[in-house]
Amino acid sequence: MKINIIKIFSLSVVLSILLAFGCTEPPTPTLNSKERRLVDSLYKDSIQVLRPLLDSLCDLNFDGDVAFAVDSMMEIRLAEIRKQLARISQLKRQN
């Protein structure tokens, strides 16, 4: 019986230690200068390939995106105006 308690206790200690170390964030990766130059060149190459596609998509969607943004802003402003008018009318009723 004594051996079982010792085994259970030691197992729980080991599991607690494993869980404590398993929940920490991994360290941020570090790159040396050669690896950074490689990443930069890959990024620049990707941007040069993708830029024409992204620019054309932006041109195609620009008018719709602007109209959507304006509509959203108008809805927000109208809601603010309604809220302000309701507050003013409520103050007038109280007086």
N, C-alpha and C. Protein backbone atom coordinates (compact mmCIF):
# COMPACT_ATOMS: atom_id res chain seq x y z
N MET A 1 0.82 -1.19 0.00
CA MET A 1 0.00 0.00 0.00
C MET A 1 0.86 1.25 0.00
N LYS A 2 1.95 1.22 0.78
CA LYS A 2 2.85 2.35 0.87
C LYS A 2 3.54 2.61 -0.47
N ILE A 3 3.84 1.55 -1.20
CA ILE A 3 4.51 1.68 -2.51
C ILE A 3 3.57 2.33 -3.51
N ASN A 4 2.29 1.98 -3.48
CA ASN A 4 1.32 2.58 -4.40
C ASN A 4 1.19 4.08 -4.17
N ILE A 5 1.17 4.49 -2.92
CA ILE A 5 1.07 5.93 -2.61
C ILE A 5 2.30 6.66 -3.12
N ILE A 6 3.46 6.08 -2.94
CA ILE A 6 4.71 6.71 -3.42
C ILE A 6 4.69 6.79 -4.95
N LYS A 7 4.24 5.74 -5.61
CA LYS A 7 4.17 5.75 -7.08
C LYS A 7 3.19 6.81 -7.57
N ILE A 8 2.05 6.90 -6.94
CA ILE A 8 1.03 7.88 -7.34
C ILE A 8 1.56 9.29 -7.10
N PHE A 9 2.21 9.52 -5.96
CA PHE A 9 2.75 10.83 -5.65
C PHE A 9 3.83 11.22 -6.64
N SER A 10 4.75 10.31 -6.92
CA SER A 10 5.84 10.64 -7.85
C SER A 10 5.30 10.84 -9.26
N LEU A 11 4.31 10.06 -9.64
CA LEU A 11 3.69 10.24 -10.96
C LEU A 11 3.00 11.60 -11.06
N SER A 12 2.32 12.00 -10.00
CA SER A 12 1.65 13.31 -10.02
C SER A 12 2.66 14.45 -10.06
N VAL A 13 3.79 14.30 -9.38
CA VAL A 13 4.84 15.32 -9.43
C VAL A 13 5.42 15.44 -10.83
N VAL A 14 5.69 14.31 -11.46
CA VAL A 14 6.23 14.31 -12.82
C VAL A 14 5.23 14.94 -13.79
N LEU A 15 3.97 14.57 -13.68
CA LEU A 15 2.94 15.14 -14.56
C LEU A 15 2.79 16.64 -14.34
N SER A 16 2.88 17.09 -13.10
CA SER A 16 2.78 18.52 -12.81
C SER A 16 3.93 19.28 -13.44
N ILE A 17 5.11 18.73 -13.35
CA ILE A 17 6.29 19.37 -13.96
C ILE A 17 6.14 19.41 -15.48
N LEU A 18 5.70 18.32 -16.08
CA LEU A 18 5.52 18.28 -17.53
C LEU A 18 4.47 19.28 -17.99
N LEU A 19 3.37 19.37 -17.25
CA LEU A 19 2.33 20.32 -17.61
C LEU A 19 2.81 21.76 -17.46
N ALA A 20 3.60 22.02 -16.43
CA ALA A 20 4.10 23.38 -16.22
C ALA A 20 5.00 23.82 -17.38
N PHE A 21 5.86 22.92 -17.84
CA PHE A 21 6.74 23.28 -18.94
C PHE A 21 6.04 23.20 -20.29
N GLY A 22 4.99 22.42 -20.38
CA GLY A 22 4.27 22.29 -21.63
C GLY A 22 3.39 23.48 -21.94
N CYS A 23 3.08 24.31 -20.97
CA CYS A 23 2.19 25.45 -21.16
C CYS A 23 2.91 26.75 -21.44
N THR A 24 4.21 26.74 -21.52
CA THR A 24 4.94 27.98 -21.79
C THR A 24 5.01 28.24 -23.28
N GLU A 25 5.15 29.51 -23.63
CA GLU A 25 5.25 29.90 -25.03
C GLU A 25 6.63 29.50 -25.57
N PRO A 26 6.65 29.03 -26.81
CA PRO A 26 7.96 28.74 -27.39
C PRO A 26 8.71 30.03 -27.65
N PRO A 27 10.01 30.01 -27.60
CA PRO A 27 10.77 31.24 -27.82
C PRO A 27 10.62 31.71 -29.26
N THR A 28 10.72 33.02 -29.45
CA THR A 28 10.60 33.55 -30.80
C THR A 28 11.81 33.10 -31.62
N PRO A 29 11.57 32.78 -32.89
CA PRO A 29 12.69 32.33 -33.70
C PRO A 29 13.64 33.49 -33.99
N THR A 30 14.90 33.17 -34.04
CA THR A 30 15.90 34.17 -34.38
C THR A 30 16.59 33.76 -35.67
N LEU A 31 16.88 34.73 -36.49
CA LEU A 31 17.51 34.48 -37.77
C LEU A 31 18.86 35.17 -37.79
N ASN A 32 19.81 34.51 -38.42
CA ASN A 32 21.08 35.18 -38.60
C ASN A 32 21.00 36.06 -39.84
N SER A 33 22.04 36.79 -40.13
CA SER A 33 22.00 37.76 -41.23
C SER A 33 21.80 37.09 -42.59
N LYS A 34 22.39 35.92 -42.78
CA LYS A 34 22.23 35.21 -44.06
C LYS A 34 20.77 34.79 -44.25
N GLU A 35 20.15 34.28 -43.18
CA GLU A 35 18.75 33.86 -43.26
C GLU A 35 17.83 35.06 -43.47
N ARG A 36 18.14 36.19 -42.82
CA ARG A 36 17.33 37.40 -43.02
C ARG A 36 17.40 37.90 -44.45
N ARG A 37 18.59 37.86 -45.04
CA ARG A 37 18.72 38.28 -46.45
C ARG A 37 17.92 37.36 -47.36
N LEU A 38 17.93 36.06 -47.07
CA LEU A 38 17.17 35.10 -47.87
C LEU A 38 15.67 35.38 -47.75
N VAL A 39 15.20 35.60 -46.54
CA VAL A 39 13.78 35.90 -46.33
C VAL A 39 13.41 37.20 -47.04
N ASP A 40 14.25 38.21 -46.94
CA ASP A 40 13.97 39.49 -47.60
C ASP A 40 13.90 39.32 -49.11
N SER A 41 14.81 38.55 -49.68
CA SER A 41 14.79 38.38 -51.13
C SER A 41 13.55 37.57 -51.57
N LEU A 42 13.18 36.57 -50.79
CA LEU A 42 11.97 35.81 -51.12
C LEU A 42 10.73 36.70 -51.03
N TYR A 43 10.70 37.56 -50.03
CA TYR A 43 9.57 38.48 -49.87
C TYR A 43 9.50 39.45 -51.04
N LYS A 44 10.63 40.03 -51.41
CA LYS A 44 10.65 40.97 -52.52
C LYS A 44 10.22 40.30 -53.83
N ASP A 45 10.68 39.08 -54.06
CA ASP A 45 10.28 38.35 -55.27
C ASP A 45 8.78 38.09 -55.27
N SER A 46 8.24 37.71 -54.13
CA SER A 46 6.81 37.43 -54.04
C SER A 46 5.99 38.69 -54.26
N ILE A 47 6.44 39.79 -53.71
CA ILE A 47 5.73 41.05 -53.87
C ILE A 47 5.73 41.48 -55.33
N GLN A 48 6.85 41.33 -56.01
CA GLN A 48 6.93 41.72 -57.42
C GLN A 48 5.98 40.89 -58.27
N VAL A 49 5.80 39.64 -57.92
CA VAL A 49 4.89 38.77 -58.68
C VAL A 49 3.44 39.10 -58.34
N LEU A 50 3.15 39.34 -57.07
CA LEU A 50 1.78 39.54 -56.63
C LEU A 50 1.26 40.97 -56.82
N ARG A 51 2.15 41.96 -56.87
CA ARG A 51 1.71 43.36 -56.94
C ARG A 51 0.76 43.64 -58.10
N PRO A 52 1.04 43.21 -59.35
CA PRO A 52 0.10 43.49 -60.44
C PRO A 52 -1.29 42.88 -60.20
N LEU A 53 -1.32 41.67 -59.66
CA LEU A 53 -2.60 41.02 -59.38
C LEU A 53 -3.36 41.78 -58.29
N LEU A 54 -2.67 42.13 -57.22
CA LEU A 54 -3.32 42.84 -56.12
C LEU A 54 -3.78 44.23 -56.55
N ASP A 55 -2.97 44.90 -57.36
CA ASP A 55 -3.37 46.22 -57.85
C ASP A 55 -4.61 46.14 -58.73
N SER A 56 -4.68 45.14 -59.59
CA SER A 56 -5.85 45.01 -60.45
C SER A 56 -7.10 44.67 -59.64
N LEU A 57 -6.95 43.83 -58.61
CA LEU A 57 -8.08 43.53 -57.74
C LEU A 57 -8.54 44.77 -56.98
N CYS A 58 -7.60 45.58 -56.55
CA CYS A 58 -7.93 46.82 -55.85
C CYS A 58 -8.69 47.76 -56.79
N ASP A 59 -8.21 47.88 -58.03
CA ASP A 59 -8.90 48.75 -58.99
C ASP A 59 -10.32 48.26 -59.27
N LEU A 60 -10.50 46.95 -59.38
CA LEU A 60 -11.82 46.40 -59.66
C LEU A 60 -12.80 46.64 -58.51
N ASN A 61 -12.32 46.53 -57.29
CA ASN A 61 -13.20 46.59 -56.12
C ASN A 61 -13.28 47.97 -55.49
N PHE A 62 -12.52 48.95 -55.98
CA PHE A 62 -12.42 50.25 -55.32
C PHE A 62 -13.77 50.95 -55.19
N ASP A 63 -14.50 51.07 -56.29
CA ASP A 63 -15.78 51.79 -56.25
C ASP A 63 -16.77 51.14 -55.29
N GLY A 64 -16.86 49.83 -55.32
CA GLY A 64 -17.77 49.13 -54.41
C GLY A 64 -17.36 49.27 -52.96
N ASP A 65 -16.05 49.21 -52.70
CA ASP A 65 -15.57 49.35 -51.33
C ASP A 65 -15.83 50.75 -50.78
N VAL A 66 -15.62 51.77 -51.63
CA VAL A 66 -15.87 53.14 -51.18
C VAL A 66 -17.36 53.34 -50.91
N ALA A 67 -18.21 52.84 -51.81
CA ALA A 67 -19.66 52.97 -51.61
C ALA A 67 -20.09 52.27 -50.32
N PHE A 68 -19.55 51.10 -50.06
CA PHE A 68 -19.89 50.37 -48.84
C PHE A 68 -19.45 51.15 -47.60
N ALA A 69 -18.24 51.72 -47.64
CA ALA A 69 -17.74 52.48 -46.50
C ALA A 69 -18.60 53.72 -46.26
N VAL A 70 -18.98 54.41 -47.34
CA VAL A 70 -19.81 55.60 -47.19
C VAL A 70 -21.17 55.23 -46.62
N ASP A 71 -21.76 54.15 -47.12
CA ASP A 71 -23.06 53.70 -46.60
C ASP A 71 -22.96 53.37 -45.11
N SER A 72 -21.88 52.69 -44.73
CA SER A 72 -21.70 52.34 -43.32
C SER A 72 -21.56 53.57 -42.46
N MET A 73 -20.79 54.55 -42.93
CA MET A 73 -20.61 55.78 -42.16
C MET A 73 -21.92 56.55 -42.05
N MET A 74 -22.69 56.57 -43.13
CA MET A 74 -23.98 57.26 -43.10
C MET A 74 -24.92 56.61 -42.10
N GLU A 75 -24.96 55.28 -42.07
CA GLU A 75 -25.82 54.59 -41.11
C GLU A 75 -25.43 54.92 -39.68
N ILE A 76 -24.12 54.94 -39.41
CA ILE A 76 -23.65 55.25 -38.07
C ILE A 76 -24.01 56.68 -37.70
N ARG A 77 -23.77 57.62 -38.60
CA ARG A 77 -24.08 59.02 -38.31
C ARG A 77 -25.58 59.24 -38.12
N LEU A 78 -26.40 58.62 -38.95
CA LEU A 78 -27.85 58.76 -38.80
C LEU A 78 -28.31 58.19 -37.46
N ALA A 79 -27.73 57.08 -37.05
CA ALA A 79 -28.09 56.50 -35.75
C ALA A 79 -27.69 57.45 -34.62
N GLU A 80 -26.53 58.09 -34.75
CA GLU A 80 -26.10 59.06 -33.73
C GLU A 80 -27.06 60.25 -33.69
N ILE A 81 -27.47 60.73 -34.87
CA ILE A 81 -28.40 61.86 -34.93
C ILE A 81 -29.73 61.49 -34.29
N ARG A 82 -30.24 60.30 -34.61
CA ARG A 82 -31.52 59.85 -34.02
C ARG A 82 -31.41 59.77 -32.49
N LYS A 83 -30.30 59.26 -32.02
CA LYS A 83 -30.10 59.13 -30.58
C LYS A 83 -30.06 60.50 -29.92
N GLN A 84 -29.38 61.44 -30.56
CA GLN A 84 -29.29 62.80 -30.03
C GLN A 84 -30.65 63.47 -30.04
N LEU A 85 -31.42 63.31 -31.11
CA LEU A 85 -32.76 63.89 -31.19
C LEU A 85 -33.69 63.29 -30.15
N ALA A 86 -33.57 61.99 -29.93
CA ALA A 86 -34.40 61.34 -28.91
C ALA A 86 -34.04 61.88 -27.53
N ARG A 87 -32.78 62.11 -27.27
CA ARG A 87 -32.34 62.64 -25.99
C ARG A 87 -32.87 64.06 -25.80
N ILE A 88 -32.81 64.86 -26.87
CA ILE A 88 -33.30 66.23 -26.78
C ILE A 88 -34.80 66.25 -26.52
N SER A 89 -35.55 65.42 -27.25
CA SER A 89 -37.00 65.40 -27.04
C SER A 89 -37.35 64.89 -25.64
N GLN A 90 -36.56 63.98 -25.11
CA GLN A 90 -36.79 63.48 -23.76
C GLN A 90 -36.52 64.59 -22.73
N LEU A 91 -35.50 65.39 -22.96
CA LEU A 91 -35.21 66.50 -22.06
C LEU A 91 -36.32 67.54 -22.11
N LYS A 92 -36.87 67.80 -23.29
CA LYS A 92 -37.97 68.76 -23.42
C LYS A 92 -39.20 68.28 -22.68
N ARG A 93 -39.48 66.97 -22.73
CA ARG A 93 -40.65 66.42 -22.02
C ARG A 93 -40.49 66.54 -20.51
N GLN A 94 -39.27 66.40 -20.03
CA GLN A 94 -39.03 66.47 -18.60
C GLN A 94 -39.21 67.89 -18.06
N ASN A 95 -38.94 68.87 -18.92
CA ASN A 95 -39.07 70.27 -18.49
C ASN A 95 -40.48 70.67 -18.66
